[in-house]
Amino acid sequence: MVQERKVDPLVRLLRNSTMRMLAISILVIGVISFLLIWKYAGNGFAGAYFLGALLGIMSGAVGFYTIEKFIDKSSLVFLQGISLGMGIRLLLLLGIFIVLMKVFNTPIIPLVTGLLVFYFIMTIFEVIFLNKRIAFKKAGKGTAQ
């Protein structure tokens, strides 16, 4: 049988508040992006931009999962897991970019712009979440029981 990990209520609250802030930020930036693109850019720009945004959001989601998976491990295993996760994410993004450019002829400028904007947002939230999660772990409150 597989044992379920019991998660401290404070960690659950941290996750929920981080996800709420992240969702609000993505929604606000998405609406601003939509309005700017609608007013100033052509139709081909919007599709590629939001495809890049989706890639940035998915990459960030994998980053959050990686943090949660390795946070209760030793420092060395945690560092290796996070580094390996970052490397795999970047290789997957590279592969997806090549397919989108060569097979689907996606415009590169809006694709990269959307990816960078949302990747940057997700990275900021990952760092904030990681710092708070480590602080909980150091305080002895954030470990799985």
C-alpha atoms as a PDB file:
ATOM      1  CA  MET A   1       0.000   0.000   0.000  1.00  0.00           C
ATOM      2  CA  VAL A   2       1.072   3.519  -0.691  1.00  0.00           C
ATOM      3  CA  GLN A   3       1.156   5.821   2.309  1.00  0.00           C
ATOM      4  CA  GLU A   4      -0.227   9.287   1.823  1.00  0.00           C
ATOM      5  CA  ARG A   5       1.912  12.157   3.012  1.00  0.00           C
ATOM      6  CA  LYS A   6       0.263  14.281   5.626  1.00  0.00           C
ATOM      7  CA  VAL A   7       0.931  17.910   4.944  1.00  0.00           C
ATOM      8  CA  ASP A   8       1.121  20.540   7.642  1.00  0.00           C
ATOM      9  CA  PRO A   9      -1.870  22.934   7.484  1.00  0.00           C
ATOM     10  CA  LEU A  10       0.523  25.910   7.307  1.00  0.00           C
ATOM     11  CA  VAL A  11       2.193  24.444   4.220  1.00  0.00           C
ATOM     12  CA  ARG A  12      -1.227  23.857   2.659  1.00  0.00           C
ATOM     13  CA  LEU A  13      -2.129  27.483   3.428  1.00  0.00           C
ATOM     14  CA  LEU A  14       1.165  28.647   1.869  1.00  0.00           C
ATOM     15  CA  ARG A  15       0.467  26.605  -1.259  1.00  0.00           C
ATOM     16  CA  ASN A  16      -3.076  27.906  -1.549  1.00  0.00           C
ATOM     17  CA  SER A  17      -2.098  31.545  -1.032  1.00  0.00           C
ATOM     18  CA  THR A  18       0.785  31.251  -3.508  1.00  0.00           C
ATOM     19  CA  MET A  19      -1.450  29.614  -6.103  1.00  0.00           C
ATOM     20  CA  ARG A  20      -4.111  32.282  -5.569  1.00  0.00           C
ATOM     21  CA  MET A  21      -1.570  35.103  -6.014  1.00  0.00           C
ATOM     22  CA  LEU A  22      -0.140  33.333  -9.043  1.00  0.00           C
ATOM     23  CA  ALA A  23      -3.559  32.866 -10.656  1.00  0.00           C
ATOM     24  CA  ILE A  24      -4.451  36.520 -10.093  1.00  0.00           C
ATOM     25  CA  SER A  25      -1.101  37.661 -11.515  1.00  0.00           C
ATOM     26  CA  ILE A  26      -1.426  35.450 -14.576  1.00  0.00           C
ATOM     27  CA  LEU A  27      -4.983  36.653 -15.129  1.00  0.00           C
ATOM     28  CA  VAL A  28      -4.023  40.335 -14.821  1.00  0.00           C
ATOM     29  CA  ILE A  29      -0.963  40.021 -17.078  1.00  0.00           C
ATOM     30  CA  GLY A  30      -2.998  37.906 -19.513  1.00  0.00           C
ATOM     31  CA  VAL A  31      -5.753  40.527 -19.738  1.00  0.00           C
ATOM     32  CA  ILE A  32      -3.231  43.357 -20.141  1.00  0.00           C
ATOM     33  CA  SER A  33      -1.414  41.335 -22.813  1.00  0.00           C
ATOM     34  CA  PHE A  34      -4.684  40.590 -24.596  1.00  0.00           C
ATOM     35  CA  LEU A  35      -5.714  44.246 -24.609  1.00  0.00           C
ATOM     36  CA  LEU A  36      -2.326  45.435 -25.869  1.00  0.00           C
ATOM     37  CA  ILE A  37      -2.135  42.758 -28.550  1.00  0.00           C
ATOM     38  CA  TRP A  38      -5.729  43.382 -29.629  1.00  0.00           C
ATOM     39  CA  LYS A  39      -5.041  47.095 -30.016  1.00  0.00           C
ATOM     40  CA  TYR A  40      -1.512  47.109 -31.468  1.00  0.00           C
ATOM     41  CA  ALA A  41      -0.675  43.731 -33.013  1.00  0.00           C
ATOM     42  CA  GLY A  42      -1.926  41.538 -35.818  1.00  0.00           C
ATOM     43  CA  ASN A  43      -3.768  38.237 -35.566  1.00  0.00           C
ATOM     44  CA  GLY A  44      -0.682  36.061 -36.043  1.00  0.00           C
ATOM     45  CA  PHE A  45       1.022  37.728 -33.107  1.00  0.00           C
ATOM     46  CA  ALA A  46      -1.734  36.908 -30.593  1.00  0.00           C
ATOM     47  CA  GLY A  47      -1.793  33.155 -31.187  1.00  0.00           C
ATOM     48  CA  ALA A  48       1.961  32.753 -30.983  1.00  0.00           C
ATOM     49  CA  TYR A  49       2.209  35.050 -27.955  1.00  0.00           C
ATOM     50  CA  PHE A  50      -0.365  33.114 -25.950  1.00  0.00           C
ATOM     51  CA  LEU A  51       1.178  29.811 -27.031  1.00  0.00           C
ATOM     52  CA  GLY A  52       4.472  31.054 -25.567  1.00  0.00           C
ATOM     53  CA  ALA A  53       2.597  32.167 -22.445  1.00  0.00           C
ATOM     54  CA  LEU A  54       1.131  28.679 -22.081  1.00  0.00           C
ATOM     55  CA  LEU A  55       4.616  27.168 -22.361  1.00  0.00           C
ATOM     56  CA  GLY A  56       5.886  29.526 -19.638  1.00  0.00           C
ATOM     57  CA  ILE A  57       2.990  28.651 -17.333  1.00  0.00           C
ATOM     58  CA  MET A  58       3.436  24.911 -17.904  1.00  0.00           C
ATOM     59  CA  SER A  59       7.161  25.190 -17.215  1.00  0.00           C
ATOM     60  CA  GLY A  60       6.426  27.027 -13.975  1.00  0.00           C
ATOM     61  CA  ALA A  61       3.886  24.397 -12.931  1.00  0.00           C
ATOM     62  CA  VAL A  62       6.541  21.706 -13.368  1.00  0.00           C
ATOM     63  CA  GLY A  63       8.901  23.862 -11.290  1.00  0.00           C
ATOM     64  CA  PHE A  64       6.392  24.066  -8.424  1.00  0.00           C
ATOM     65  CA  TYR A  65       5.909  20.295  -8.571  1.00  0.00           C
ATOM     66  CA  THR A  66       9.671  19.749  -8.509  1.00  0.00           C
ATOM     67  CA  ILE A  67      10.060  21.971  -5.446  1.00  0.00           C
ATOM     68  CA  GLU A  68       7.350  20.070  -3.595  1.00  0.00           C
ATOM     69  CA  LYS A  69       8.776  16.689  -4.607  1.00  0.00           C
ATOM     70  CA  PHE A  70      12.301  17.401  -3.380  1.00  0.00           C
ATOM     71  CA  ILE A  71      11.837  19.879  -0.493  1.00  0.00           C
ATOM     72  CA  ASP A  72      11.819  17.190   2.203  1.00  0.00           C
ATOM     73  CA  LYS A  73      14.941  15.467   0.863  1.00  0.00           C
ATOM     74  CA  SER A  74      18.525  16.135   1.893  1.00  0.00           C
ATOM     75  CA  SER A  75      20.145  19.328   0.625  1.00  0.00           C
ATOM     76  CA  LEU A  76      22.216  17.469  -1.966  1.00  0.00           C
ATOM     77  CA  VAL A  77      19.259  15.501  -3.332  1.00  0.00           C
ATOM     78  CA  PHE A  78      17.159  18.693  -3.345  1.00  0.00           C
ATOM     79  CA  LEU A  79      19.799  20.605  -5.317  1.00  0.00           C
ATOM     80  CA  GLN A  80      20.262  17.732  -7.758  1.00  0.00           C
ATOM     81  CA  GLY A  81      16.501  17.378  -8.250  1.00  0.00           C
ATOM     82  CA  ILE A  82      15.957  21.081  -8.839  1.00  0.00           C
ATOM     83  CA  SER A  83      18.944  21.313 -11.215  1.00  0.00           C
ATOM     84  CA  LEU A  84      17.897  18.231 -13.151  1.00  0.00           C
ATOM     85  CA  GLY A  85      14.324  19.534 -13.330  1.00  0.00           C
ATOM     86  CA  MET A  86      15.511  22.878 -14.714  1.00  0.00           C
ATOM     87  CA  GLY A  87      17.666  21.147 -17.309  1.00  0.00           C
ATOM     88  CA  ILE A  88      14.855  18.864 -18.433  1.00  0.00           C
ATOM     89  CA  ARG A  89      12.420  21.795 -18.648  1.00  0.00           C
ATOM     90  CA  LEU A  90      14.833  23.808 -20.789  1.00  0.00           C
ATOM     91  CA  LEU A  91      15.499  20.860 -23.116  1.00  0.00           C
ATOM     92  CA  LEU A  92      11.759  20.249 -23.485  1.00  0.00           C
ATOM     93  CA  LEU A  93      11.168  23.929 -24.242  1.00  0.00           C
ATOM     94  CA  LEU A  94      13.938  23.825 -26.839  1.00  0.00           C
ATOM     95  CA  GLY A  95      12.395  20.750 -28.465  1.00  0.00           C
ATOM     96  CA  ILE A  96       8.935  22.327 -28.478  1.00  0.00           C
ATOM     97  CA  PHE A  97      10.374  25.528 -29.953  1.00  0.00           C
ATOM     98  CA  ILE A  98      12.067  23.640 -32.759  1.00  0.00           C
ATOM     99  CA  VAL A  99       8.851  21.763 -33.582  1.00  0.00           C
ATOM    100  CA  LEU A 100       6.772  24.953 -33.466  1.00  0.00           C
ATOM    101  CA  MET A 101       9.210  26.827 -35.690  1.00  0.00           C
ATOM    102  CA  LYS A 102      10.039  24.110 -38.226  1.00  0.00           C
ATOM    103  CA  VAL A 103       6.793  22.133 -38.431  1.00  0.00           C
ATOM    104  CA  PHE A 104       4.108  24.719 -37.655  1.00  0.00           C
ATOM    105  CA  ASN A 105       5.971  27.847 -38.877  1.00  0.00           C
ATOM    106  CA  THR A 106       5.035  29.741 -35.710  1.00  0.00           C
ATOM    107  CA  PRO A 107       6.295  33.348 -35.639  1.00  0.00           C
ATOM    108  CA  ILE A 108       9.275  33.362 -33.299  1.00  0.00           C
ATOM    109  CA  ILE A 109       9.145  36.927 -31.910  1.00  0.00           C
ATOM    110  CA  PRO A 110       5.669  36.681 -30.328  1.00  0.00           C
ATOM    111  CA  LEU A 111       6.335  33.114 -29.182  1.00  0.00           C
ATOM    112  CA  VAL A 112       9.511  34.122 -27.359  1.00  0.00           C
ATOM    113  CA  THR A 113       7.901  37.295 -26.006  1.00  0.00           C
ATOM    114  CA  GLY A 114       4.978  35.399 -24.491  1.00  0.00           C
ATOM    115  CA  LEU A 115       7.279  32.744 -23.069  1.00  0.00           C
ATOM    116  CA  LEU A 116       9.646  35.273 -21.497  1.00  0.00           C
ATOM    117  CA  VAL A 117       6.889  37.353 -19.891  1.00  0.00           C
ATOM    118  CA  PHE A 118       5.149  34.386 -18.285  1.00  0.00           C
ATOM    119  CA  TYR A 119       8.350  32.434 -17.568  1.00  0.00           C
ATOM    120  CA  PHE A 120       9.623  35.473 -15.665  1.00  0.00           C
ATOM    121  CA  ILE A 121       6.384  35.708 -13.647  1.00  0.00           C
ATOM    122  CA  MET A 122       6.445  31.995 -12.847  1.00  0.00           C
ATOM    123  CA  THR A 123      10.119  32.152 -11.844  1.00  0.00           C
ATOM    124  CA  ILE A 124       9.441  35.009  -9.425  1.00  0.00           C
ATOM    125  CA  PHE A 125       6.662  33.009  -7.788  1.00  0.00           C
ATOM    126  CA  GLU A 126       8.817  29.874  -7.683  1.00  0.00           C
ATOM    127  CA  VAL A 127      11.575  31.748  -5.841  1.00  0.00           C
ATOM    128  CA  ILE A 128       9.111  33.340  -3.400  1.00  0.00           C
ATOM    129  CA  PHE A 129       7.431  29.984  -2.777  1.00  0.00           C
ATOM    130  CA  LEU A 130      10.762  28.202  -2.369  1.00  0.00           C
ATOM    131  CA  ASN A 131      12.025  30.770   0.149  1.00  0.00           C
ATOM    132  CA  LYS A 132       8.837  30.555   2.202  1.00  0.00           C
ATOM    133  CA  ARG A 133       8.820  26.756   1.991  1.00  0.00           C
ATOM    134  CA  ILE A 134      12.440  26.566   3.170  1.00  0.00           C
ATOM    135  CA  ALA A 135      11.639  28.926   6.056  1.00  0.00           C
ATOM    136  CA  PHE A 136       8.809  26.588   7.109  1.00  0.00           C
ATOM    137  CA  LYS A 137      11.132  23.604   6.834  1.00  0.00           C
ATOM    138  CA  LYS A 138      13.811  25.306   8.969  1.00  0.00           C
ATOM    139  CA  ALA A 139      11.201  26.173  11.575  1.00  0.00           C
ATOM    140  CA  GLY A 140      10.228  22.487  11.667  1.00  0.00           C
ATOM    141  CA  LYS A 141       6.696  23.265  10.509  1.00  0.00           C
ATOM    142  CA  GLY A 142       6.846  22.337   6.857  1.00  0.00           C
ATOM    143  CA  THR A 143       7.957  18.742   6.794  1.00  0.00           C
ATOM    144  CA  ALA A 144       5.759  15.815   5.897  1.00  0.00           C
ATOM    145  CA  GLN A 145       4.603  13.838   8.878  1.00  0.00           C
END
